[in-house]
Amino acid sequence: HIGYSRHGGPMQTVQLEGRVEISPAVT
């Protein structure tokens, strides 16, 4: 959940859902 400002303006918010990568168990 990102709070950010652009050009010095008021805070805006955006939620990012990550791109998931699944790796096998590490041995």
mmCIF file of all heavy atoms, coordinates in Angstrom:
data_MODEL
# 
_entry.id   MODEL 
# 
loop_
_atom_site.group_PDB 
_atom_site.id 
_atom_site.type_symbol 
_atom_site.label_atom_id 
_atom_site.label_alt_id 
_atom_site.label_comp_id 
_atom_site.label_asym_id 
_atom_site.label_entity_id 
_atom_site.label_seq_id 
_atom_site.pdbx_PDB_ins_code 
_atom_site.Cartn_x 
_atom_site.Cartn_y 
_atom_site.Cartn_z 
_atom_site.occupancy 
_atom_site.B_iso_or_equiv 
_atom_site.pdbx_formal_charge 
_atom_site.auth_seq_id 
_atom_site.auth_comp_id 
_atom_site.auth_asym_id 
_atom_site.auth_atom_id 
_atom_site.pdbx_PDB_model_num 
ATOM 1   N N   . HIS A 1 1  ? 0.873  -1.170  0.000   1.00 0.00 ? 1  HIS A N   1 
ATOM 2   C CA  . HIS A 1 1  ? 0.000  0.000   0.000   1.00 0.00 ? 1  HIS A CA  1 
ATOM 3   C C   . HIS A 1 1  ? 0.911  1.221   0.000   1.00 0.00 ? 1  HIS A C   1 
ATOM 4   O O   . HIS A 1 1  ? 1.578  1.507   0.988   1.00 0.00 ? 1  HIS A O   1 
ATOM 5   C CB  . HIS A 1 1  ? -0.912 -0.009  1.230   1.00 0.00 ? 1  HIS A CB  1 
ATOM 6   C CG  . HIS A 1 1  ? -1.968 1.051   1.186   1.00 0.00 ? 1  HIS A CG  1 
ATOM 7   N ND1 . HIS A 1 1  ? -3.110 0.929   0.416   1.00 0.00 ? 1  HIS A ND1 1 
ATOM 8   C CD2 . HIS A 1 1  ? -2.053 2.260   1.804   1.00 0.00 ? 1  HIS A CD2 1 
ATOM 9   C CE1 . HIS A 1 1  ? -3.858 2.008   0.575   1.00 0.00 ? 1  HIS A CE1 1 
ATOM 10  N NE2 . HIS A 1 1  ? -3.234 2.834   1.397   1.00 0.00 ? 1  HIS A NE2 1 
ATOM 11  N N   . ILE A 1 2  ? 0.960  1.932   -1.128  1.00 0.00 ? 2  ILE A N   1 
ATOM 12  C CA  . ILE A 1 2  ? 1.913  3.019   -1.343  1.00 0.00 ? 2  ILE A CA  1 
ATOM 13  C C   . ILE A 1 2  ? 1.223  4.366   -1.188  1.00 0.00 ? 2  ILE A C   1 
ATOM 14  O O   . ILE A 1 2  ? 0.184  4.624   -1.810  1.00 0.00 ? 2  ILE A O   1 
ATOM 15  C CB  . ILE A 1 2  ? 2.537  2.938   -2.748  1.00 0.00 ? 2  ILE A CB  1 
ATOM 16  C CG1 . ILE A 1 2  ? 3.177  1.569   -3.001  1.00 0.00 ? 2  ILE A CG1 1 
ATOM 17  C CG2 . ILE A 1 2  ? 3.538  4.077   -2.963  1.00 0.00 ? 2  ILE A CG2 1 
ATOM 18  C CD1 . ILE A 1 2  ? 4.447  1.338   -2.264  1.00 0.00 ? 2  ILE A CD1 1 
ATOM 19  N N   . GLY A 1 3  ? 1.807  5.217   -0.357  1.00 0.00 ? 3  GLY A N   1 
ATOM 20  C CA  . GLY A 1 3  ? 1.417  6.617   -0.324  1.00 0.00 ? 3  GLY A CA  1 
ATOM 21  C C   . GLY A 1 3  ? 2.468  7.417   -1.068  1.00 0.00 ? 3  GLY A C   1 
ATOM 22  O O   . GLY A 1 3  ? 3.665  7.245   -0.831  1.00 0.00 ? 3  GLY A O   1 
ATOM 23  N N   . TYR A 1 4  ? 2.040  8.287   -1.985  1.00 0.00 ? 4  TYR A N   1 
ATOM 24  C CA  . TYR A 1 4  ? 3.013  9.006   -2.807  1.00 0.00 ? 4  TYR A CA  1 
ATOM 25  C C   . TYR A 1 4  ? 2.499  10.398  -3.131  1.00 0.00 ? 4  TYR A C   1 
ATOM 26  O O   . TYR A 1 4  ? 1.304  10.716  -2.982  1.00 0.00 ? 4  TYR A O   1 
ATOM 27  C CB  . TYR A 1 4  ? 3.318  8.240   -4.096  1.00 0.00 ? 4  TYR A CB  1 
ATOM 28  C CG  . TYR A 1 4  ? 2.161  8.176   -5.081  1.00 0.00 ? 4  TYR A CG  1 
ATOM 29  C CD1 . TYR A 1 4  ? 2.092  9.053   -6.169  1.00 0.00 ? 4  TYR A CD1 1 
ATOM 30  C CD2 . TYR A 1 4  ? 1.133  7.244   -4.931  1.00 0.00 ? 4  TYR A CD2 1 
ATOM 31  C CE1 . TYR A 1 4  ? 1.032  9.003   -7.072  1.00 0.00 ? 4  TYR A CE1 1 
ATOM 32  C CE2 . TYR A 1 4  ? 0.078  7.173   -5.828  1.00 0.00 ? 4  TYR A CE2 1 
ATOM 33  C CZ  . TYR A 1 4  ? 0.029  8.057   -6.889  1.00 0.00 ? 4  TYR A CZ  1 
ATOM 34  O OH  . TYR A 1 4  ? -1.022 8.010   -7.779  1.00 0.00 ? 4  TYR A OH  1 
ATOM 35  N N   . SER A 1 5  ? 3.422  11.232  -3.592  1.00 0.00 ? 5  SER A N   1 
ATOM 36  C CA  . SER A 1 5  ? 3.105  12.594  -3.997  1.00 0.00 ? 5  SER A CA  1 
ATOM 37  C C   . SER A 1 5  ? 3.700  12.849  -5.375  1.00 0.00 ? 5  SER A C   1 
ATOM 38  O O   . SER A 1 5  ? 4.792  12.355  -5.684  1.00 0.00 ? 5  SER A O   1 
ATOM 39  C CB  . SER A 1 5  ? 3.675  13.593  -2.980  1.00 0.00 ? 5  SER A CB  1 
ATOM 40  O OG  . SER A 1 5  ? 3.519  14.918  -3.429  1.00 0.00 ? 5  SER A OG  1 
ATOM 41  N N   . ARG A 1 6  ? 2.987  13.618  -6.176  1.00 0.00 ? 6  ARG A N   1 
ATOM 42  C CA  . ARG A 1 6  ? 3.477  13.944  -7.530  1.00 0.00 ? 6  ARG A CA  1 
ATOM 43  C C   . ARG A 1 6  ? 3.485  15.452  -7.712  1.00 0.00 ? 6  ARG A C   1 
ATOM 44  O O   . ARG A 1 6  ? 2.503  16.124  -7.405  1.00 0.00 ? 6  ARG A O   1 
ATOM 45  C CB  . ARG A 1 6  ? 2.586  13.286  -8.578  1.00 0.00 ? 6  ARG A CB  1 
ATOM 46  C CG  . ARG A 1 6  ? 3.043  13.491  -10.027 1.00 0.00 ? 6  ARG A CG  1 
ATOM 47  C CD  . ARG A 1 6  ? 2.205  12.638  -10.966 1.00 0.00 ? 6  ARG A CD  1 
ATOM 48  N NE  . ARG A 1 6  ? 2.394  11.213  -10.681 1.00 0.00 ? 6  ARG A NE  1 
ATOM 49  C CZ  . ARG A 1 6  ? 1.540  10.263  -11.065 1.00 0.00 ? 6  ARG A CZ  1 
ATOM 50  N NH1 . ARG A 1 6  ? 0.434  10.581  -11.725 1.00 0.00 ? 6  ARG A NH1 1 
ATOM 51  N NH2 . ARG A 1 6  ? 1.799  9.009   -10.786 1.00 0.00 ? 6  ARG A NH2 1 
ATOM 52  N N   . HIS A 1 7  ? 4.592  15.975  -8.171  1.00 0.00 ? 7  HIS A N   1 
ATOM 53  C CA  . HIS A 1 7  ? 4.751  17.423  -8.387  1.00 0.00 ? 7  HIS A CA  1 
ATOM 54  C C   . HIS A 1 7  ? 4.480  18.211  -7.115  1.00 0.00 ? 7  HIS A C   1 
ATOM 55  O O   . HIS A 1 7  ? 3.941  19.329  -7.164  1.00 0.00 ? 7  HIS A O   1 
ATOM 56  C CB  . HIS A 1 7  ? 3.832  17.915  -9.509  1.00 0.00 ? 7  HIS A CB  1 
ATOM 57  C CG  . HIS A 1 7  ? 4.107  17.283  -10.839 1.00 0.00 ? 7  HIS A CG  1 
ATOM 58  N ND1 . HIS A 1 7  ? 5.339  17.331  -11.455 1.00 0.00 ? 7  HIS A ND1 1 
ATOM 59  C CD2 . HIS A 1 7  ? 3.291  16.565  -11.676 1.00 0.00 ? 7  HIS A CD2 1 
ATOM 60  C CE1 . HIS A 1 7  ? 5.278  16.686  -12.620 1.00 0.00 ? 7  HIS A CE1 1 
ATOM 61  N NE2 . HIS A 1 7  ? 4.057  16.217  -12.768 1.00 0.00 ? 7  HIS A NE2 1 
ATOM 62  N N   . GLY A 1 8  ? 4.823  17.639  -5.956  1.00 0.00 ? 8  GLY A N   1 
ATOM 63  C CA  . GLY A 1 8  ? 4.636  18.356  -4.711  1.00 0.00 ? 8  GLY A CA  1 
ATOM 64  C C   . GLY A 1 8  ? 3.200  18.441  -4.250  1.00 0.00 ? 8  GLY A C   1 
ATOM 65  O O   . GLY A 1 8  ? 2.892  19.161  -3.287  1.00 0.00 ? 8  GLY A O   1 
ATOM 66  N N   . GLY A 1 9  ? 2.307  17.695  -4.879  1.00 0.00 ? 9  GLY A N   1 
ATOM 67  C CA  . GLY A 1 9  ? 0.897  17.743  -4.536  1.00 0.00 ? 9  GLY A CA  1 
ATOM 68  C C   . GLY A 1 9  ? 0.565  16.923  -3.304  1.00 0.00 ? 9  GLY A C   1 
ATOM 69  O O   . GLY A 1 9  ? 1.447  16.375  -2.640  1.00 0.00 ? 9  GLY A O   1 
ATOM 70  N N   . PRO A 1 10 ? -0.721 16.812  -2.969  1.00 0.00 ? 10 PRO A N   1 
ATOM 71  C CA  . PRO A 1 10 ? -1.139 16.055  -1.779  1.00 0.00 ? 10 PRO A CA  1 
ATOM 72  C C   . PRO A 1 10 ? -0.887 14.560  -1.950  1.00 0.00 ? 10 PRO A C   1 
ATOM 73  O O   . PRO A 1 10 ? -0.729 14.066  -3.075  1.00 0.00 ? 10 PRO A O   1 
ATOM 74  C CB  . PRO A 1 10 ? -2.631 16.356  -1.677  1.00 0.00 ? 10 PRO A CB  1 
ATOM 75  C CG  . PRO A 1 10 ? -3.044 16.683  -3.085  1.00 0.00 ? 10 PRO A CG  1 
ATOM 76  C CD  . PRO A 1 10 ? -1.869 17.384  -3.693  1.00 0.00 ? 10 PRO A CD  1 
ATOM 77  N N   . MET A 1 11 ? -0.866 13.853  -0.833  1.00 0.00 ? 11 MET A N   1 
ATOM 78  C CA  . MET A 1 11 ? -0.614 12.415  -0.888  1.00 0.00 ? 11 MET A CA  1 
ATOM 79  C C   . MET A 1 11 ? -1.744 11.693  -1.608  1.00 0.00 ? 11 MET A C   1 
ATOM 80  O O   . MET A 1 11 ? -2.928 11.948  -1.379  1.00 0.00 ? 11 MET A O   1 
ATOM 81  C CB  . MET A 1 11 ? -0.444 11.832  0.511   1.00 0.00 ? 11 MET A CB  1 
ATOM 82  C CG  . MET A 1 11 ? -0.050 10.355  0.485   1.00 0.00 ? 11 MET A CG  1 
ATOM 83  S SD  . MET A 1 11 ? 0.361  9.659   2.104   1.00 0.00 ? 11 MET A SD  1 
ATOM 84  C CE  . MET A 1 11 ? -1.276 9.441   2.792   1.00 0.00 ? 11 MET A CE  1 
ATOM 85  N N   . GLN A 1 12 ? -1.355 10.779  -2.482  1.00 0.00 ? 12 GLN A N   1 
ATOM 86  C CA  . GLN A 1 12 ? -2.280 9.855   -3.133  1.00 0.00 ? 12 GLN A CA  1 
ATOM 87  C C   . GLN A 1 12 ? -1.902 8.448   -2.674  1.00 0.00 ? 12 GLN A C   1 
ATOM 88  O O   . GLN A 1 12 ? -0.792 8.213   -2.195  1.00 0.00 ? 12 GLN A O   1 
ATOM 89  C CB  . GLN A 1 12 ? -2.177 9.965   -4.654  1.00 0.00 ? 12 GLN A CB  1 
ATOM 90  C CG  . GLN A 1 12 ? -2.371 11.365  -5.201  1.00 0.00 ? 12 GLN A CG  1 
ATOM 91  C CD  . GLN A 1 12 ? -2.219 11.406  -6.712  1.00 0.00 ? 12 GLN A CD  1 
ATOM 92  O OE1 . GLN A 1 12 ? -2.932 10.725  -7.448  1.00 0.00 ? 12 GLN A OE1 1 
ATOM 93  N NE2 . GLN A 1 12 ? -1.259 12.202  -7.183  1.00 0.00 ? 12 GLN A NE2 1 
ATOM 94  N N   . THR A 1 13 ? -2.808 7.531   -2.818  1.00 0.00 ? 13 THR A N   1 
ATOM 95  C CA  . THR A 1 13 ? -2.526 6.156   -2.407  1.00 0.00 ? 13 THR A CA  1 
ATOM 96  C C   . THR A 1 13 ? -2.852 5.182   -3.538  1.00 0.00 ? 13 THR A C   1 
ATOM 97  O O   . THR A 1 13 ? -3.731 5.431   -4.362  1.00 0.00 ? 13 THR A O   1 
ATOM 98  C CB  . THR A 1 13 ? -3.330 5.759   -1.158  1.00 0.00 ? 13 THR A CB  1 
ATOM 99  O OG1 . THR A 1 13 ? -4.732 5.859   -1.439  1.00 0.00 ? 13 THR A OG1 1 
ATOM 100 C CG2 . THR A 1 13 ? -2.964 6.640   0.025   1.00 0.00 ? 13 THR A CG2 1 
ATOM 101 N N   . VAL A 1 14 ? -2.124 4.086   -3.543  1.00 0.00 ? 14 VAL A N   1 
ATOM 102 C CA  . VAL A 1 14 ? -2.367 3.029   -4.516  1.00 0.00 ? 14 VAL A CA  1 
ATOM 103 C C   . VAL A 1 14 ? -1.953 1.701   -3.887  1.00 0.00 ? 14 VAL A C   1 
ATOM 104 O O   . VAL A 1 14 ? -1.005 1.655   -3.092  1.00 0.00 ? 14 VAL A O   1 
ATOM 105 C CB  . VAL A 1 14 ? -1.573 3.277   -5.828  1.00 0.00 ? 14 VAL A CB  1 
ATOM 106 C CG1 . VAL A 1 14 ? -0.071 3.231   -5.585  1.00 0.00 ? 14 VAL A CG1 1 
ATOM 107 C CG2 . VAL A 1 14 ? -1.980 2.283   -6.898  1.00 0.00 ? 14 VAL A CG2 1 
ATOM 108 N N   . GLN A 1 15 ? -2.672 0.655   -4.190  1.00 0.00 ? 15 GLN A N   1 
ATOM 109 C CA  . GLN A 1 15 ? -2.306 -0.674  -3.696  1.00 0.00 ? 15 GLN A CA  1 
ATOM 110 C C   . GLN A 1 15 ? -1.772 -1.515  -4.844  1.00 0.00 ? 15 GLN A C   1 
ATOM 111 O O   . GLN A 1 15 ? -2.424 -1.633  -5.889  1.00 0.00 ? 15 GLN A O   1 
ATOM 112 C CB  . GLN A 1 15 ? -3.505 -1.381  -3.066  1.00 0.00 ? 15 GLN A CB  1 
ATOM 113 C CG  . GLN A 1 15 ? -3.147 -2.768  -2.503  1.00 0.00 ? 15 GLN A CG  1 
ATOM 114 C CD  . GLN A 1 15 ? -4.211 -3.323  -1.584  1.00 0.00 ? 15 GLN A CD  1 
ATOM 115 O OE1 . GLN A 1 15 ? -4.335 -2.902  -0.451  1.00 0.00 ? 15 GLN A OE1 1 
ATOM 116 N NE2 . GLN A 1 15 ? -4.963 -4.291  -2.081  1.00 0.00 ? 15 GLN A NE2 1 
ATOM 117 N N   . LEU A 1 16 ? -0.589 -2.079  -4.631  1.00 0.00 ? 16 LEU A N   1 
ATOM 118 C CA  . LEU A 1 16 ? 0.044  -2.924  -5.634  1.00 0.00 ? 16 LEU A CA  1 
ATOM 119 C C   . LEU A 1 16 ? -0.054 -4.379  -5.216  1.00 0.00 ? 16 LEU A C   1 
ATOM 120 O O   . LEU A 1 16 ? 0.292  -4.720  -4.086  1.00 0.00 ? 16 LEU A O   1 
ATOM 121 C CB  . LEU A 1 16 ? 1.514  -2.541  -5.810  1.00 0.00 ? 16 LEU A CB  1 
ATOM 122 C CG  . LEU A 1 16 ? 1.845  -1.066  -6.082  1.00 0.00 ? 16 LEU A CG  1 
ATOM 123 C CD1 . LEU A 1 16 ? 3.350  -0.898  -6.232  1.00 0.00 ? 16 LEU A CD1 1 
ATOM 124 C CD2 . LEU A 1 16 ? 1.122  -0.573  -7.319  1.00 0.00 ? 16 LEU A CD2 1 
ATOM 125 N N   . GLU A 1 17 ? -0.520 -5.219  -6.100  1.00 0.00 ? 17 GLU A N   1 
ATOM 126 C CA  . GLU A 1 17 ? -0.527 -6.663  -5.853  1.00 0.00 ? 17 GLU A CA  1 
ATOM 127 C C   . GLU A 1 17 ? 0.648  -7.266  -6.590  1.00 0.00 ? 17 GLU A C   1 
ATOM 128 O O   . GLU A 1 17 ? 0.719  -7.232  -7.816  1.00 0.00 ? 17 GLU A O   1 
ATOM 129 C CB  . GLU A 1 17 ? -1.845 -7.287  -6.311  1.00 0.00 ? 17 GLU A CB  1 
ATOM 130 C CG  . GLU A 1 17 ? -3.038 -6.781  -5.515  1.00 0.00 ? 17 GLU A CG  1 
ATOM 131 C CD  . GLU A 1 17 ? -4.214 -7.726  -5.572  1.00 0.00 ? 17 GLU A CD  1 
ATOM 132 O OE1 . GLU A 1 17 ? -4.007 -8.910  -5.928  1.00 0.00 ? 17 GLU A OE1 1 
ATOM 133 O OE2 . GLU A 1 17 ? -5.321 -7.283  -5.243  1.00 0.00 ? 17 GLU A OE2 1 
ATOM 134 N N   . GLY A 1 18 ? 1.591  -7.804  -5.852  1.00 0.00 ? 18 GLY A N   1 
ATOM 135 C CA  . GLY A 1 18 ? 2.840  -8.262  -6.435  1.00 0.00 ? 18 GLY A CA  1 
ATOM 136 C C   . GLY A 1 18 ? 2.682  -9.401  -7.417  1.00 0.00 ? 18 GLY A C   1 
ATOM 137 O O   . GLY A 1 18 ? 1.802  -10.261 -7.278  1.00 0.00 ? 18 GLY A O   1 
ATOM 138 N N   . ARG A 1 19 ? 3.551  -9.379  -8.422  1.00 0.00 ? 19 ARG A N   1 
ATOM 139 C CA  . ARG A 1 19 ? 3.645  -10.525 -9.336  1.00 0.00 ? 19 ARG A CA  1 
ATOM 140 C C   . ARG A 1 19 ? 4.411  -11.609 -8.608  1.00 0.00 ? 19 ARG A C   1 
ATOM 141 O O   . ARG A 1 19 ? 5.544  -11.411 -8.188  1.00 0.00 ? 19 ARG A O   1 
ATOM 142 C CB  . ARG A 1 19 ? 4.382  -10.100 -10.605 1.00 0.00 ? 19 ARG A CB  1 
ATOM 143 C CG  . ARG A 1 19 ? 4.634  -11.234 -11.589 1.00 0.00 ? 19 ARG A CG  1 
ATOM 144 C CD  . ARG A 1 19 ? 5.361  -10.727 -12.825 1.00 0.00 ? 19 ARG A CD  1 
ATOM 145 N NE  . ARG A 1 19 ? 6.640  -10.128 -12.505 1.00 0.00 ? 19 ARG A NE  1 
ATOM 146 C CZ  . ARG A 1 19 ? 7.759  -10.810 -12.291 1.00 0.00 ? 19 ARG A CZ  1 
ATOM 147 N NH1 . ARG A 1 19 ? 7.744  -12.142 -12.326 1.00 0.00 ? 19 ARG A NH1 1 
ATOM 148 N NH2 . ARG A 1 19 ? 8.888  -10.185 -12.011 1.00 0.00 ? 19 ARG A NH2 1 
ATOM 149 N N   . VAL A 1 20 ? 3.797  -12.760 -8.454  1.00 0.00 ? 20 VAL A N   1 
ATOM 150 C CA  . VAL A 1 20 ? 4.392  -13.804 -7.630  1.00 0.00 ? 20 VAL A CA  1 
ATOM 151 C C   . VAL A 1 20 ? 5.202  -14.779 -8.488  1.00 0.00 ? 20 VAL A C   1 
ATOM 152 O O   . VAL A 1 20 ? 4.802  -15.119 -9.608  1.00 0.00 ? 20 VAL A O   1 
ATOM 153 C CB  . VAL A 1 20 ? 3.319  -14.575 -6.830  1.00 0.00 ? 20 VAL A CB  1 
ATOM 154 C CG1 . VAL A 1 20 ? 2.352  -15.306 -7.758  1.00 0.00 ? 20 VAL A CG1 1 
ATOM 155 C CG2 . VAL A 1 20 ? 3.958  -15.539 -5.842  1.00 0.00 ? 20 VAL A CG2 1 
ATOM 156 N N   . GLU A 1 21 ? 6.341  -15.172 -7.963  1.00 0.00 ? 21 GLU A N   1 
ATOM 157 C CA  . GLU A 1 21 ? 7.133  -16.245 -8.554  1.00 0.00 ? 21 GLU A CA  1 
ATOM 158 C C   . GLU A 1 21 ? 7.304  -17.316 -7.493  1.00 0.00 ? 21 GLU A C   1 
ATOM 159 O O   . GLU A 1 21 ? 7.641  -17.019 -6.349  1.00 0.00 ? 21 GLU A O   1 
ATOM 160 C CB  . GLU A 1 21 ? 8.501  -15.745 -9.018  1.00 0.00 ? 21 GLU A CB  1 
ATOM 161 C CG  . GLU A 1 21 ? 8.447  -14.872 -10.249 1.00 0.00 ? 21 GLU A CG  1 
ATOM 162 C CD  . GLU A 1 21 ? 9.833  -14.546 -10.799 1.00 0.00 ? 21 GLU A CD  1 
ATOM 163 O OE1 . GLU A 1 21 ? 10.827 -15.022 -10.196 1.00 0.00 ? 21 GLU A OE1 1 
ATOM 164 O OE2 . GLU A 1 21 ? 9.920  -13.828 -11.804 1.00 0.00 ? 21 GLU A OE2 1 
ATOM 165 N N   . ILE A 1 22 ? 7.050  -18.566 -7.858  1.00 0.00 ? 22 ILE A N   1 
ATOM 166 C CA  . ILE A 1 22 ? 7.154  -19.675 -6.917  1.00 0.00 ? 22 ILE A CA  1 
ATOM 167 C C   . ILE A 1 22 ? 8.320  -20.554 -7.327  1.00 0.00 ? 22 ILE A C   1 
ATOM 168 O O   . ILE A 1 22 ? 8.372  -21.060 -8.449  1.00 0.00 ? 22 ILE A O   1 
ATOM 169 C CB  . ILE A 1 22 ? 5.855  -20.499 -6.884  1.00 0.00 ? 22 ILE A CB  1 
ATOM 170 C CG1 . ILE A 1 22 ? 4.678  -19.591 -6.492  1.00 0.00 ? 22 ILE A CG1 1 
ATOM 171 C CG2 . ILE A 1 22 ? 5.984  -21.654 -5.897  1.00 0.00 ? 22 ILE A CG2 1 
ATOM 172 C CD1 . ILE A 1 22 ? 3.347  -20.290 -6.512  1.00 0.00 ? 22 ILE A CD1 1 
ATOM 173 N N   . SER A 1 23 ? 9.258  -20.735 -6.411  1.00 0.00 ? 23 SER A N   1 
ATOM 174 C CA  . SER A 1 23 ? 10.436 -21.553 -6.667  1.00 0.00 ? 23 SER A CA  1 
ATOM 175 C C   . SER A 1 23 ? 10.317 -22.862 -5.914  1.00 0.00 ? 23 SER A C   1 
ATOM 176 O O   . SER A 1 23 ? 9.655  -22.934 -4.871  1.00 0.00 ? 23 SER A O   1 
ATOM 177 C CB  . SER A 1 23 ? 11.699 -20.815 -6.213  1.00 0.00 ? 23 SER A CB  1 
ATOM 178 O OG  . SER A 1 23 ? 11.803 -19.567 -6.850  1.00 0.00 ? 23 SER A OG  1 
ATOM 179 N N   . PRO A 1 24 ? 10.941 -23.923 -6.401  1.00 0.00 ? 24 PRO A N   1 
ATOM 180 C CA  . PRO A 1 24 ? 10.930 -25.183 -5.663  1.00 0.00 ? 24 PRO A CA  1 
ATOM 181 C C   . PRO A 1 24 ? 11.709 -25.055 -4.366  1.00 0.00 ? 24 PRO A C   1 
ATOM 182 O O   . PRO A 1 24 ? 12.498 -24.128 -4.179  1.00 0.00 ? 24 PRO A O   1 
ATOM 183 C CB  . PRO A 1 24 ? 11.616 -26.163 -6.621  1.00 0.00 ? 24 PRO A CB  1 
ATOM 184 C CG  . PRO A 1 24 ? 12.467 -25.294 -7.496  1.00 0.00 ? 24 PRO A CG  1 
ATOM 185 C CD  . PRO A 1 24 ? 11.703 -24.017 -7.654  1.00 0.00 ? 24 PRO A CD  1 
ATOM 186 N N   . ALA A 1 25 ? 11.480 -25.960 -3.440  1.00 0.00 ? 25 ALA A N   1 
ATOM 187 C CA  . ALA A 1 25 ? 12.209 -25.943 -2.165  1.00 0.00 ? 25 ALA A CA  1 
ATOM 188 C C   . ALA A 1 25 ? 13.710 -25.995 -2.428  1.00 0.00 ? 25 ALA A C   1 
ATOM 189 O O   . ALA A 1 25 ? 14.187 -26.739 -3.282  1.00 0.00 ? 25 ALA A O   1 
ATOM 190 C CB  . ALA A 1 25 ? 11.795 -27.132 -1.307  1.00 0.00 ? 25 ALA A CB  1 
ATOM 191 N N   . VAL A 1 26 ? 14.454 -25.193 -1.698  1.00 0.00 ? 26 VAL A N   1 
ATOM 192 C CA  . VAL A 1 26 ? 15.908 -25.109 -1.877  1.00 0.00 ? 26 VAL A CA  1 
ATOM 193 C C   . VAL A 1 26 ? 16.578 -26.222 -1.089  1.00 0.00 ? 26 VAL A C   1 
ATOM 194 O O   . VAL A 1 26 ? 16.305 -26.415 0.086   1.00 0.00 ? 26 VAL A O   1 
ATOM 195 C CB  . VAL A 1 26 ? 16.424 -23.735 -1.415  1.00 0.00 ? 26 VAL A CB  1 
ATOM 196 C CG1 . VAL A 1 26 ? 17.931 -23.649 -1.580  1.00 0.00 ? 26 VAL A CG1 1 
ATOM 197 C CG2 . VAL A 1 26 ? 15.748 -22.630 -2.213  1.00 0.00 ? 26 VAL A CG2 1 
ATOM 198 N N   . THR A 1 27 ? 17.456 -26.960 -1.730  1.00 0.00 ? 27 THR A N   1 
ATOM 199 C CA  . THR A 1 27 ? 18.134 -28.061 -1.049  1.00 0.00 ? 27 THR A CA  1 
ATOM 200 C C   . THR A 1 27 ? 19.650 -27.883 -1.016  1.00 0.00 ? 27 THR A C   1 
ATOM 201 O O   . THR A 1 27 ? 20.340 -28.664 -0.392  1.00 0.00 ? 27 THR A O   1 
ATOM 202 C CB  . THR A 1 27 ? 17.819 -29.397 -1.744  1.00 0.00 ? 27 THR A CB  1 
ATOM 203 O OG1 . THR A 1 27 ? 18.183 -29.309 -3.128  1.00 0.00 ? 27 THR A OG1 1 
ATOM 204 C CG2 . THR A 1 27 ? 16.333 -29.712 -1.642  1.00 0.00 ? 27 THR A CG2 1 
# 
